[in-house]
Amino acid sequence: MKNVEMTVEGQMLIIKVDLTKDYGASSSGKSLIIATTEGNYTIPGRDEKIGLNVYKKK
């Protein structure tokens, strides 16, 4: 994971992403990656999974 913090509070998944970060261009080169789980990620202590990408146009 890059720039993603996840916590579970009761039945709520809390996701924190620092929107000031930049991890470079996407594979297509059309956007800049801000945060990613780099595929599907199992939520800690749970059966659910999450796949997250945060990006912006170049």
PDB file of N, CA and C in Angstrom:
ATOM      1  N   MET A   1       0.844  -1.181   0.000  1.00  0.00           N
ATOM      2  CA  MET A   1       0.000   0.000   0.000  1.00  0.00           C
ATOM      3  C   MET A   1       0.885   1.240   0.000  1.00  0.00           C
ATOM      4  N   LYS A   2       0.391   2.251  -0.635  1.00  0.00           N
ATOM      5  CA  LYS A   2       1.088   3.531  -0.658  1.00  0.00           C
ATOM      6  C   LYS A   2       0.122   4.621  -0.200  1.00  0.00           C
ATOM      7  N   ASN A   3       0.478   5.314   0.886  1.00  0.00           N
ATOM      8  CA  ASN A   3      -0.250   6.491   1.353  1.00  0.00           C
ATOM      9  C   ASN A   3      -1.693   6.173   1.732  1.00  0.00           C
ATOM     10  N   VAL A   4      -1.956   5.002   2.296  1.00  0.00           N
ATOM     11  CA  VAL A   4      -3.298   4.632   2.735  1.00  0.00           C
ATOM     12  C   VAL A   4      -3.202   4.123   4.169  1.00  0.00           C
ATOM     13  N   GLU A   5      -3.975   4.727   5.070  1.00  0.00           N
ATOM     14  CA  GLU A   5      -4.099   4.246   6.443  1.00  0.00           C
ATOM     15  C   GLU A   5      -5.536   3.800   6.633  1.00  0.00           C
ATOM     16  N   MET A   6      -5.720   2.589   7.144  1.00  0.00           N
ATOM     17  CA  MET A   6      -7.063   2.069   7.380  1.00  0.00           C
ATOM     18  C   MET A   6      -7.192   1.606   8.815  1.00  0.00           C
ATOM     19  N   THR A   7      -8.317   1.951   9.446  1.00  0.00           N
ATOM     20  CA  THR A   7      -8.641   1.446  10.769  1.00  0.00           C
ATOM     21  C   THR A   7     -10.114   1.078  10.778  1.00  0.00           C
ATOM     22  N   VAL A   8     -10.454   0.141  11.652  1.00  0.00           N
ATOM     23  CA  VAL A   8     -11.853  -0.249  11.831  1.00  0.00           C
ATOM     24  C   VAL A   8     -12.272   0.225  13.211  1.00  0.00           C
ATOM     25  N   GLU A   9     -13.339   1.024  13.256  1.00  0.00           N
ATOM     26  CA  GLU A   9     -13.911   1.513  14.508  1.00  0.00           C
ATOM     27  C   GLU A   9     -15.340   1.009  14.571  1.00  0.00           C
ATOM     28  N   GLY A  10     -15.574  -0.015  15.383  1.00  0.00           N
ATOM     29  CA  GLY A  10     -16.893  -0.641  15.420  1.00  0.00           C
ATOM     30  C   GLY A  10     -17.160  -1.306  14.086  1.00  0.00           C
ATOM     31  N   GLN A  11     -18.196  -0.859  13.408  1.00  0.00           N
ATOM     32  CA  GLN A  11     -18.545  -1.393  12.091  1.00  0.00           C
ATOM     33  C   GLN A  11     -18.177  -0.427  10.957  1.00  0.00           C
ATOM     34  N   MET A  12     -17.355   0.585  11.261  1.00  0.00           N
ATOM     35  CA  MET A  12     -16.974   1.594  10.271  1.00  0.00           C
ATOM     36  C   MET A  12     -15.514   1.429   9.875  1.00  0.00           C
ATOM     37  N   LEU A  13     -15.258   1.466   8.564  1.00  0.00           N
ATOM     38  CA  LEU A  13     -13.893   1.473   8.032  1.00  0.00           C
ATOM     39  C   LEU A  13     -13.493   2.923   7.820  1.00  0.00           C
ATOM     40  N   ILE A  14     -12.414   3.330   8.453  1.00  0.00           N
ATOM     41  CA  ILE A  14     -11.905   4.700   8.332  1.00  0.00           C
ATOM     42  C   ILE A  14     -10.657   4.653   7.457  1.00  0.00           C
ATOM     43  N   ILE A  15     -10.661   5.449   6.397  1.00  0.00           N
ATOM     44  CA  ILE A  15      -9.542   5.490   5.452  1.00  0.00           C
ATOM     45  C   ILE A  15      -8.946   6.891   5.472  1.00  0.00           C
ATOM     46  N   LYS A  16      -7.626   6.975   5.633  1.00  0.00           N
ATOM     47  CA  LYS A  16      -6.931   8.258   5.597  1.00  0.00           C
ATOM     48  C   LYS A  16      -5.944   8.252   4.444  1.00  0.00           C
ATOM     49  N   VAL A  17      -5.983   9.316   3.627  1.00  0.00           N
ATOM     50  CA  VAL A  17      -5.078   9.496   2.494  1.00  0.00           C
ATOM     51  C   VAL A  17      -4.573  10.934   2.532  1.00  0.00           C
ATOM     52  N   ASP A  18      -3.270  11.116   2.459  1.00  0.00           N
ATOM     53  CA  ASP A  18      -2.675  12.451   2.389  1.00  0.00           C
ATOM     54  C   ASP A  18      -2.721  12.907   0.938  1.00  0.00           C
ATOM     55  N   LEU A  19      -3.590  13.850   0.640  1.00  0.00           N
ATOM     56  CA  LEU A  19      -3.799  14.304  -0.738  1.00  0.00           C
ATOM     57  C   LEU A  19      -2.651  15.153  -1.281  1.00  0.00           C
ATOM     58  N   THR A  20      -1.660  15.476  -0.444  1.00  0.00           N
ATOM     59  CA  THR A  20      -0.509  16.254  -0.921  1.00  0.00           C
ATOM     60  C   THR A  20       0.581  15.363  -1.507  1.00  0.00           C
ATOM     61  N   LYS A  21       0.488  14.050  -1.321  1.00  0.00           N
ATOM     62  CA  LYS A  21       1.518  13.120  -1.808  1.00  0.00           C
ATOM     63  C   LYS A  21       1.356  12.861  -3.301  1.00  0.00           C
ATOM     64  N   ASP A  22       2.442  12.436  -3.931  1.00  0.00           N
ATOM     65  CA  ASP A  22       2.458  12.133  -5.366  1.00  0.00           C
ATOM     66  C   ASP A  22       3.431  10.988  -5.581  1.00  0.00           C
ATOM     67  N   TYR A  23       2.947   9.875  -6.121  1.00  0.00           N
ATOM     68  CA  TYR A  23       3.791   8.706  -6.354  1.00  0.00           C
ATOM     69  C   TYR A  23       4.109   8.518  -7.829  1.00  0.00           C
ATOM     70  N   GLY A  24       4.027   9.580  -8.597  1.00  0.00           N
ATOM     71  CA  GLY A  24       4.407   9.520  -9.993  1.00  0.00           C
ATOM     72  C   GLY A  24       3.259   9.162 -10.912  1.00  0.00           C
ATOM     73  N   ALA A  25       3.591   8.982 -12.164  1.00  0.00           N
ATOM     74  CA  ALA A  25       2.591   8.748 -13.209  1.00  0.00           C
ATOM     75  C   ALA A  25       2.046   7.329 -13.150  1.00  0.00           C
ATOM     76  N   SER A  26       0.814   7.189 -13.595  1.00  0.00           N
ATOM     77  CA  SER A  26       0.205   5.866 -13.740  1.00  0.00           C
ATOM     78  C   SER A  26       0.877   5.137 -14.892  1.00  0.00           C
ATOM     79  N   SER A  27       0.539   3.871 -15.066  1.00  0.00           N
ATOM     80  CA  SER A  27       1.166   3.103 -16.155  1.00  0.00           C
ATOM     81  C   SER A  27       0.816   3.664 -17.525  1.00  0.00           C
ATOM     82  N   SER A  28      -0.381   4.282 -17.655  1.00  0.00           N
ATOM     83  CA  SER A  28      -0.753   4.884 -18.940  1.00  0.00           C
ATOM     84  C   SER A  28      -0.116   6.256 -19.127  1.00  0.00           C
ATOM     85  N   GLY A  29       0.326   6.861 -18.007  1.00  0.00           N
ATOM     86  CA  GLY A  29       0.936   8.184 -18.070  1.00  0.00           C
ATOM     87  C   GLY A  29      -0.055   9.321 -18.098  1.00  0.00           C
ATOM     88  N   LYS A  30      -1.349   9.032 -17.999  1.00  0.00           N
ATOM     89  CA  LYS A  30      -2.376  10.076 -18.078  1.00  0.00           C
ATOM     90  C   LYS A  30      -2.712  10.707 -16.735  1.00  0.00           C
ATOM     91  N   SER A  31      -2.343  10.049 -15.645  1.00  0.00           N
ATOM     92  CA  SER A  31      -2.699  10.570 -14.330  1.00  0.00           C
ATOM     93  C   SER A  31      -1.559  10.373 -13.349  1.00  0.00           C
ATOM     94  N   LEU A  32      -1.641  11.100 -12.219  1.00  0.00           N
ATOM     95  CA  LEU A  32      -0.654  10.996 -11.149  1.00  0.00           C
ATOM     96  C   LEU A  32      -1.264  10.224  -9.992  1.00  0.00           C
ATOM     97  N   ILE A  33      -0.552   9.246  -9.491  1.00  0.00           N
ATOM     98  CA  ILE A  33      -1.034   8.413  -8.401  1.00  0.00           C
ATOM     99  C   ILE A  33      -0.810   9.133  -7.074  1.00  0.00           C
ATOM    100  N   ILE A  34      -1.868   9.239  -6.278  1.00  0.00           N
ATOM    101  CA  ILE A  34      -1.796   9.853  -4.954  1.00  0.00           C
ATOM    102  C   ILE A  34      -1.752   8.776  -3.876  1.00  0.00           C
ATOM    103  N   ALA A  35      -2.557   7.726  -4.041  1.00  0.00           N
ATOM    104  CA  ALA A  35      -2.589   6.630  -3.071  1.00  0.00           C
ATOM    105  C   ALA A  35      -3.142   5.384  -3.742  1.00  0.00           C
ATOM    106  N   THR A  36      -2.713   4.213  -3.247  1.00  0.00           N
ATOM    107  CA  THR A  36      -3.212   2.965  -3.804  1.00  0.00           C
ATOM    108  C   THR A  36      -3.025   1.821  -2.823  1.00  0.00           C
ATOM    109  N   THR A  37      -3.935   0.864  -2.860  1.00  0.00           N
ATOM    110  CA  THR A  37      -3.754  -0.374  -2.106  1.00  0.00           C
ATOM    111  C   THR A  37      -2.978  -1.384  -2.943  1.00  0.00           C
ATOM    112  N   GLU A  38      -2.661  -1.031  -4.170  1.00  0.00           N
ATOM    113  CA  GLU A  38      -1.914  -1.886  -5.104  1.00  0.00           C
ATOM    114  C   GLU A  38      -2.610  -3.233  -5.288  1.00  0.00           C
ATOM    115  N   GLY A  39      -3.885  -3.168  -5.587  1.00  0.00           N
ATOM    116  CA  GLY A  39      -4.698  -4.373  -5.742  1.00  0.00           C
ATOM    117  C   GLY A  39      -5.670  -4.504  -4.582  1.00  0.00           C
ATOM    118  N   ASN A  40      -6.259  -5.678  -4.445  1.00  0.00           N
ATOM    119  CA  ASN A  40      -7.209  -5.902  -3.363  1.00  0.00           C
ATOM    120  C   ASN A  40      -6.475  -6.231  -2.080  1.00  0.00           C
ATOM    121  N   TYR A  41      -6.953  -5.648  -0.984  1.00  0.00           N
ATOM    122  CA  TYR A  41      -6.307  -5.748   0.312  1.00  0.00           C
ATOM    123  C   TYR A  41      -7.349  -6.175   1.339  1.00  0.00           C
ATOM    124  N   THR A  42      -7.040  -7.167   2.155  1.00  0.00           N
ATOM    125  CA  THR A  42      -7.963  -7.606   3.195  1.00  0.00           C
ATOM    126  C   THR A  42      -7.943  -6.607   4.343  1.00  0.00           C
ATOM    127  N   ILE A  43      -9.125  -6.170   4.751  1.00  0.00           N
ATOM    128  CA  ILE A  43      -9.246  -5.220   5.856  1.00  0.00           C
ATOM    129  C   ILE A  43      -8.805  -5.935   7.141  1.00  0.00           C
ATOM    130  N   PRO A  44      -7.899  -5.323   7.916  1.00  0.00           N
ATOM    131  CA  PRO A  44      -7.357  -5.974   9.109  1.00  0.00           C
ATOM    132  C   PRO A  44      -8.462  -6.445  10.072  1.00  0.00           C
ATOM    133  N   GLY A  45      -8.386  -7.729  10.440  1.00  0.00           N
ATOM    134  CA  GLY A  45      -9.339  -8.291  11.382  1.00  0.00           C
ATOM    135  C   GLY A  45     -10.714  -8.595  10.810  1.00  0.00           C
ATOM    136  N   ARG A  46     -10.859  -8.508   9.476  1.00  0.00           N
ATOM    137  CA  ARG A  46     -12.156  -8.694   8.828  1.00  0.00           C
ATOM    138  C   ARG A  46     -12.025  -9.650   7.644  1.00  0.00           C
ATOM    139  N   ASP A  47     -13.179 -10.051   7.086  1.00  0.00           N
ATOM    140  CA  ASP A  47     -13.197 -10.881   5.884  1.00  0.00           C
ATOM    141  C   ASP A  47     -13.289 -10.043   4.614  1.00  0.00           C
ATOM    142  N   GLU A  48     -13.735  -8.787   4.746  1.00  0.00           N
ATOM    143  CA  GLU A  48     -13.923  -7.917   3.585  1.00  0.00           C
ATOM    144  C   GLU A  48     -12.588  -7.498   2.984  1.00  0.00           C
ATOM    145  N   LYS A  49     -12.651  -7.181   1.711  1.00  0.00           N
ATOM    146  CA  LYS A  49     -11.474  -6.689   0.991  1.00  0.00           C
ATOM    147  C   LYS A  49     -11.787  -5.316   0.408  1.00  0.00           C
ATOM    148  N   ILE A  50     -10.727  -4.558   0.132  1.00  0.00           N
ATOM    149  CA  ILE A  50     -10.882  -3.238  -0.483  1.00  0.00           C
ATOM    150  C   ILE A  50      -9.827  -3.089  -1.572  1.00  0.00           C
ATOM    151  N   GLY A  51     -10.191  -2.433  -2.653  1.00  0.00           N
ATOM    152  CA  GLY A  51      -9.274  -2.051  -3.712  1.00  0.00           C
ATOM    153  C   GLY A  51      -9.435  -0.548  -3.909  1.00  0.00           C
ATOM    154  N   LEU A  52      -8.388   0.214  -3.661  1.00  0.00           N
ATOM    155  CA  LEU A  52      -8.491   1.673  -3.663  1.00  0.00           C
ATOM    156  C   LEU A  52      -7.401   2.283  -4.527  1.00  0.00           C
ATOM    157  N   ASN A  53      -7.794   3.226  -5.381  1.00  0.00           N
ATOM    158  CA  ASN A  53      -6.857   4.054  -6.137  1.00  0.00           C
ATOM    159  C   ASN A  53      -7.332   5.490  -6.043  1.00  0.00           C
ATOM    160  N   VAL A  54      -6.426   6.384  -5.654  1.00  0.00           N
ATOM    161  CA  VAL A  54      -6.709   7.819  -5.637  1.00  0.00           C
ATOM    162  C   VAL A  54      -5.726   8.447  -6.608  1.00  0.00           C
ATOM    163  N   TYR A  55      -6.246   9.209  -7.568  1.00  0.00           N
ATOM    164  CA  TYR A  55      -5.374   9.803  -8.589  1.00  0.00           C
ATOM    165  C   TYR A  55      -5.962  11.105  -9.091  1.00  0.00           C
ATOM    166  N   LYS A  56      -5.155  11.848  -9.838  1.00  0.00           N
ATOM    167  CA  LYS A  56      -5.626  13.079 -10.483  1.00  0.00           C
ATOM    168  C   LYS A  56      -5.029  13.169 -11.870  1.00  0.00           C
ATOM    169  N   LYS A  57      -5.695  13.937 -12.724  1.00  0.00           N
ATOM    170  CA  LYS A  57      -5.191  14.114 -14.086  1.00  0.00           C
ATOM    171  C   LYS A  57      -3.852  14.835 -14.038  1.00  0.00           C
ATOM    172  N   LYS A  58      -2.990  14.477 -14.968  1.00  0.00           N
ATOM    173  CA  LYS A  58      -1.659  15.085 -15.093  1.00  0.00           C
ATOM    174  C   LYS A  58      -1.736  16.499 -15.554  1.00  0.00           C
TER     175      LYS A  58
END
